[in-house]
Amino acid sequence: MKTLVEISDWNPSKGLAKPKNEKAKELNSFLEQVRGQFTDCYKQLQLQKKIINAEAIKNLFLGNEKSEHTLCSLIEYHNTNMKTVLSYGTLKNYFTTSKYLGKFLKAQHKTADIYLTDLNYQFISEFELFLRKHIPTDHQKKLQNNGVMKHLERLRKMVRLAVKMEWISKNPFENYQLKFQKVERSYLTDTELSSIEDKEFTIERLVWVRDLFVFSCYTGLAYIDTMKLSPSNIVRGIDGEYWLITSRKKTEVAVKEGK
C-alpha cells in the first residue's frame, strides 16, 4: 500500500512527514517502526559476523537472506582442500594473498568479506592498485610488479575454482590480463662464490644456511629439494663414483648429480 505525501508536507532532514494531522502522525509512527527494524537487522548481522551492506539488511528485513558463497568461504575451501595437493611453501603464499585481500576489503570496502557475485573487473583493478601502493609495516619490502602479479594470479586461480564449482557463473578475470615483467637472473662469479664459502660465522644457524646455499650452487638443487635429501639418495654408479639421485619436488623430474 502506497502513501503519498506532498513535498511541502515532508521534512527531508528528519525523513518524516510534518505532523499536521492524524494521518501524518500514523505514517511517522510506521516509519519509526521500520527504522527500528532496520537497526535490529544491522545488529543481527553484526552479531553473526556476516557481511553488512544495504543489500544484506534489505534481504534480512524482507526474509530473503542470500545463501551465497563469499570470497572468504572460497579462500577457506581452497586452502583446506589443497593441503594434500600443494606444497607447504606454495600454500603459504596463498595465506599471504589472503591476508592482503583481508586488508584490502577492510580499507577499500569497509567490510571483512564480500559475495563472489560482487567480484568484478573493478574489484580486481582496485586490488592491484592497493597492492602497488601498500607499504608494509614489518621487515618486508614494498611489492614490485611481479610480486603484485603473483598475488593476482593466486586470486585468479581461486576464482577459477569457484567457476568450476558453479559458485559464480562468470569469471571476473575474463578480460583481465596479468602483466609480468621479464627479469634477468644474475649469477655469482667464482670469486663471489669462493668468498661465501670462506666466510666464517660464529652463529651455527648461519653456518648451516651458508653450507646449504653453497651445496645448492654446486648441485643446482632448490632449497626444498636439498632439505629432503637423505643418505639413501647417495648411490654408487657403474663408474664407481658416488651419485646423488633424487627428484625435484616441484616437477617430480628425476635428477642425477655425479661426484
Protein backbone atom coordinates (compact mmCIF):
# COMPACT_ATOMS: atom_id res chain seq x y z
CA MET A 1 0.00 0.00 0.00
CA LYS A 2 1.43 3.33 -1.05
CA THR A 3 1.20 6.51 0.95
CA LEU A 4 1.77 9.75 -0.91
CA VAL A 5 2.96 12.89 0.85
CA GLU A 6 3.11 16.34 -0.66
CA ILE A 7 6.64 17.74 -0.90
CA SER A 8 5.58 20.70 1.20
CA ASP A 9 4.37 18.30 3.93
CA TRP A 10 7.66 16.35 4.10
CA ASN A 11 10.61 17.03 6.41
CA PRO A 12 13.72 15.82 4.48
CA SER A 13 16.15 16.32 7.38
CA LYS A 14 14.16 14.02 9.70
CA GLY A 15 12.90 11.68 6.96
CA LEU A 16 9.38 12.08 8.31
CA ALA A 17 6.14 13.79 7.41
CA LYS A 18 5.25 17.05 9.07
CA PRO A 19 2.76 16.08 11.82
CA LYS A 20 -0.06 18.28 10.59
CA ASN A 21 -2.81 15.72 11.07
CA GLU A 22 -3.54 12.24 12.45
CA LYS A 23 -2.74 10.52 9.15
CA ALA A 24 0.73 12.07 9.07
CA LYS A 25 1.33 11.02 12.69
CA GLU A 26 0.36 7.41 11.87
CA LEU A 27 2.74 7.44 8.91
CA ASN A 28 5.58 8.74 11.08
CA SER A 29 4.92 6.03 13.67
CA PHE A 30 5.11 3.38 10.93
CA LEU A 31 8.35 4.83 9.55
CA GLU A 32 9.93 4.83 13.02
CA GLN A 33 8.98 1.18 13.47
CA VAL A 34 10.58 0.26 10.13
CA ARG A 35 13.66 2.27 11.01
CA GLY A 36 13.92 0.35 14.27
CA GLN A 37 13.60 -2.96 12.42
CA PHE A 38 16.42 -1.95 10.07
CA THR A 39 18.57 -1.19 13.11
CA ASP A 40 17.75 -4.63 14.55
CA CYS A 41 18.72 -6.26 11.24
CA TYR A 42 22.04 -4.40 11.30
CA LYS A 43 22.76 -5.56 14.85
CA GLN A 44 21.81 -9.14 13.97
CA LEU A 45 24.22 -9.23 11.03
CA GLN A 46 26.89 -7.68 13.23
CA LEU A 47 26.47 -10.32 15.96
CA GLN A 48 26.54 -13.13 13.38
CA LYS A 49 29.67 -11.60 11.82
CA LYS A 50 28.05 -11.58 8.40
CA ILE A 51 28.55 -9.16 5.53
CA ILE A 52 26.89 -5.83 6.33
CA ASN A 53 25.67 -3.74 3.43
CA ALA A 54 22.37 -2.28 2.21
CA GLU A 55 21.52 -5.41 0.22
CA ALA A 56 22.14 -7.73 3.18
CA ILE A 57 19.99 -5.60 5.52
CA LYS A 58 17.21 -5.44 2.92
CA ASN A 59 17.23 -9.21 2.40
CA LEU A 60 17.14 -9.89 6.14
CA PHE A 61 14.31 -7.38 6.62
CA LEU A 62 12.27 -8.99 3.82
CA GLY A 63 13.17 -12.52 4.88
CA ASN A 64 15.09 -13.16 1.67
CA GLU A 65 18.55 -13.87 3.07
CA LYS A 66 21.08 -14.90 0.47
CA SER A 67 22.88 -18.18 0.86
CA GLU A 68 25.64 -17.09 -1.50
CA HIS A 69 29.26 -18.05 -1.30
CA THR A 70 31.68 -15.34 -0.25
CA LEU A 71 35.30 -14.61 -1.06
CA CYS A 72 36.41 -15.74 2.41
CA SER A 73 34.50 -19.02 2.12
CA LEU A 74 36.19 -19.63 -1.25
CA ILE A 75 39.64 -18.96 0.21
CA GLU A 76 38.96 -21.28 3.15
CA TYR A 77 37.65 -24.02 0.83
CA HIS A 78 40.67 -23.72 -1.47
CA ASN A 79 43.29 -23.70 1.28
CA THR A 80 41.65 -26.59 3.14
CA ASN A 81 41.26 -28.83 0.11
CA MET A 82 44.66 -28.03 -1.38
CA LYS A 83 46.64 -29.08 1.69
CA THR A 84 47.28 -32.52 0.17
CA VAL A 85 47.92 -31.15 -3.34
CA LEU A 86 50.14 -28.11 -2.86
CA SER A 87 53.43 -27.99 -1.00
CA TYR A 88 53.53 -26.04 2.24
CA GLY A 89 55.72 -23.40 0.60
CA THR A 90 53.14 -22.81 -2.15
CA LEU A 91 50.20 -22.92 0.26
CA LYS A 92 51.95 -20.38 2.48
CA ASN A 93 51.92 -17.96 -0.45
CA TYR A 94 48.13 -18.33 -0.68
CA PHE A 95 47.91 -17.46 3.04
CA THR A 96 49.83 -14.26 2.30
CA THR A 97 47.50 -13.40 -0.60
CA SER A 98 44.54 -14.00 1.73
CA LYS A 99 45.98 -11.52 4.26
CA TYR A 100 46.37 -8.87 1.56
CA LEU A 101 42.76 -9.44 0.44
CA GLY A 102 41.61 -9.01 4.04
CA LYS A 103 43.47 -5.71 4.36
CA PHE A 104 42.09 -4.55 1.01
CA LEU A 105 38.48 -5.37 1.93
CA LYS A 106 38.82 -3.51 5.21
CA ALA A 107 40.48 -0.46 3.66
CA GLN A 108 38.55 -0.20 0.40
CA HIS A 109 35.13 -1.72 1.17
CA LYS A 110 34.93 -1.26 4.96
CA THR A 111 33.98 -4.92 5.36
CA ALA A 112 35.60 -8.24 6.21
CA ASP A 113 34.07 -10.21 3.35
CA ILE A 114 32.27 -9.86 0.03
CA TYR A 115 29.93 -12.03 -2.04
CA LEU A 116 31.54 -13.75 -5.02
CA THR A 117 28.79 -12.32 -7.22
CA ASP A 118 30.08 -8.86 -6.31
CA LEU A 119 33.53 -9.58 -7.75
CA ASN A 120 34.13 -7.73 -11.00
CA TYR A 121 36.82 -6.11 -13.11
CA GLN A 122 36.75 -3.00 -10.95
CA PHE A 123 37.38 -5.05 -7.80
CA ILE A 124 40.45 -6.68 -9.39
CA SER A 125 41.81 -3.36 -10.67
CA GLU A 126 41.38 -1.71 -7.28
CA PHE A 127 43.05 -4.68 -5.55
CA GLU A 128 46.01 -4.35 -7.93
CA LEU A 129 46.30 -0.63 -7.15
CA PHE A 130 46.09 -1.38 -3.42
CA LEU A 131 48.94 -3.89 -3.67
CA ARG A 132 51.11 -1.44 -5.61
CA LYS A 133 50.57 1.35 -3.07
CA HIS A 134 50.69 -0.78 0.07
CA ILE A 135 53.68 -0.09 2.29
CA PRO A 136 54.42 -2.98 4.72
CA THR A 137 54.96 -2.05 8.37
CA ASP A 138 57.18 -5.06 9.06
CA HIS A 139 60.55 -6.06 7.60
CA GLN A 140 59.15 -6.91 4.19
CA LYS A 141 59.88 -4.75 1.15
CA LYS A 142 57.27 -2.94 -0.92
CA LEU A 143 55.80 -5.20 -3.60
CA GLN A 144 57.24 -4.86 -7.08
CA ASN A 145 55.28 -5.53 -10.27
CA ASN A 146 55.84 -9.31 -10.42
CA GLY A 147 55.02 -9.65 -6.72
CA VAL A 148 51.69 -7.89 -7.34
CA MET A 149 51.01 -10.12 -10.33
CA LYS A 150 51.68 -13.28 -8.29
CA HIS A 151 49.00 -12.30 -5.75
CA LEU A 152 46.54 -11.59 -8.57
CA GLU A 153 47.48 -14.90 -10.19
CA ARG A 154 46.62 -16.77 -6.98
CA LEU A 155 43.32 -14.91 -6.69
CA ARG A 156 42.56 -15.80 -10.31
CA LYS A 157 43.21 -19.49 -9.64
CA MET A 158 40.83 -19.45 -6.67
CA VAL A 159 38.17 -17.63 -8.70
CA ARG A 160 38.52 -20.21 -11.47
CA LEU A 161 37.85 -22.87 -8.86
CA ALA A 162 34.67 -21.02 -7.87
CA VAL A 163 33.54 -21.03 -11.51
CA LYS A 164 34.18 -24.78 -11.78
CA MET A 165 32.23 -25.32 -8.55
CA GLU A 166 29.40 -23.24 -10.09
CA TRP A 167 29.53 -20.81 -7.17
CA ILE A 168 29.59 -17.99 -9.73
CA SER A 169 28.53 -18.04 -13.36
CA LYS A 170 31.01 -15.54 -14.76
CA ASN A 171 34.76 -15.21 -14.24
CA PRO A 172 35.61 -11.58 -13.37
CA PHE A 173 39.16 -12.21 -14.65
CA GLU A 174 37.82 -12.90 -18.15
CA ASN A 175 39.00 -9.55 -19.54
CA TYR A 176 41.84 -9.00 -17.10
CA GLN A 177 45.41 -9.60 -18.23
CA LEU A 178 48.30 -10.26 -15.88
CA LYS A 179 51.43 -8.36 -16.90
CA PHE A 180 54.65 -9.98 -15.68
CA GLN A 181 57.97 -8.28 -16.39
CA LYS A 182 60.93 -10.30 -17.62
CA VAL A 183 63.68 -10.46 -15.03
CA GLU A 184 67.29 -11.09 -15.95
CA ARG A 185 68.71 -13.50 -13.38
CA SER A 186 72.27 -12.74 -12.34
CA TYR A 187 74.78 -15.41 -11.35
CA LEU A 188 77.59 -15.49 -8.82
CA THR A 189 81.11 -15.37 -10.15
CA ASP A 190 83.74 -17.90 -8.99
CA THR A 191 85.25 -15.20 -6.79
CA GLU A 192 81.91 -14.33 -5.19
CA LEU A 193 81.09 -17.99 -4.55
CA SER A 194 84.53 -18.58 -3.05
CA SER A 195 84.12 -15.61 -0.71
CA ILE A 196 80.83 -17.10 0.55
CA GLU A 197 82.47 -20.49 1.04
CA ASP A 198 85.34 -18.96 3.04
CA LYS A 199 83.10 -16.69 5.11
CA GLU A 200 83.33 -17.52 8.82
CA PHE A 201 80.23 -17.30 11.03
CA THR A 202 80.01 -17.54 14.80
CA ILE A 203 76.31 -18.43 14.71
CA GLU A 204 75.71 -22.10 13.95
CA ARG A 205 72.43 -21.39 12.16
CA LEU A 206 74.21 -19.12 9.66
CA VAL A 207 76.88 -21.77 9.07
CA TRP A 208 74.09 -24.20 8.23
CA VAL A 209 72.47 -21.69 5.84
CA ARG A 210 75.82 -20.99 4.14
CA ASP A 211 76.52 -24.69 3.59
CA LEU A 212 73.04 -25.29 2.17
CA PHE A 213 73.41 -22.35 -0.19
CA VAL A 214 76.83 -23.45 -1.45
CA PHE A 215 75.63 -27.04 -1.86
CA SER A 216 72.66 -25.77 -3.92
CA CYS A 217 75.00 -23.72 -6.10
CA TYR A 218 77.14 -26.73 -6.97
CA THR A 219 74.26 -29.18 -7.48
CA GLY A 220 71.63 -26.87 -8.93
CA LEU A 221 69.05 -28.19 -6.47
CA ALA A 222 66.42 -25.91 -5.00
CA TYR A 223 66.28 -25.35 -1.24
CA ILE A 224 63.29 -27.66 -0.74
CA ASP A 225 64.97 -30.43 -2.77
CA THR A 226 68.13 -30.09 -0.70
CA MET A 227 66.22 -30.24 2.59
CA LYS A 228 64.55 -33.55 1.75
CA LEU A 229 67.81 -35.33 0.91
CA SER A 230 68.85 -38.37 2.97
CA PRO A 231 71.76 -40.88 2.84
CA SER A 232 69.57 -43.14 0.68
CA ASN A 233 69.87 -40.58 -2.13
CA ILE A 234 73.61 -41.27 -2.44
CA VAL A 235 74.40 -44.34 -4.55
CA ARG A 236 77.50 -45.70 -6.29
CA GLY A 237 77.23 -45.59 -10.07
CA ILE A 238 78.56 -48.03 -12.67
CA ASP A 239 81.60 -45.78 -12.99
CA GLY A 240 82.47 -46.47 -9.38
CA GLU A 241 81.77 -42.89 -8.34
CA TYR A 242 79.12 -41.70 -5.88
CA TRP A 243 75.99 -40.16 -7.39
CA LEU A 244 73.19 -38.10 -5.89
CA ILE A 245 69.83 -39.34 -7.16
CA THR A 246 66.61 -37.52 -6.31
CA SER A 247 63.64 -35.80 -7.96
CA ARG A 248 62.61 -32.19 -7.97
CA LYS A 249 59.76 -31.51 -5.55
CA LYS A 250 58.01 -29.08 -7.89
CA THR A 251 58.19 -31.10 -11.12
CA GLU A 252 58.95 -34.65 -9.90
CA VAL A 253 61.63 -34.80 -12.63
CA ALA A 254 64.49 -37.19 -11.79
CA VAL A 255 67.85 -35.56 -11.06
CA LYS A 256 71.27 -37.21 -11.06
CA GLU A 257 74.41 -35.44 -9.85
CA GLY A 258 77.86 -37.02 -10.14
CA LYS A 259 80.77 -36.56 -7.79
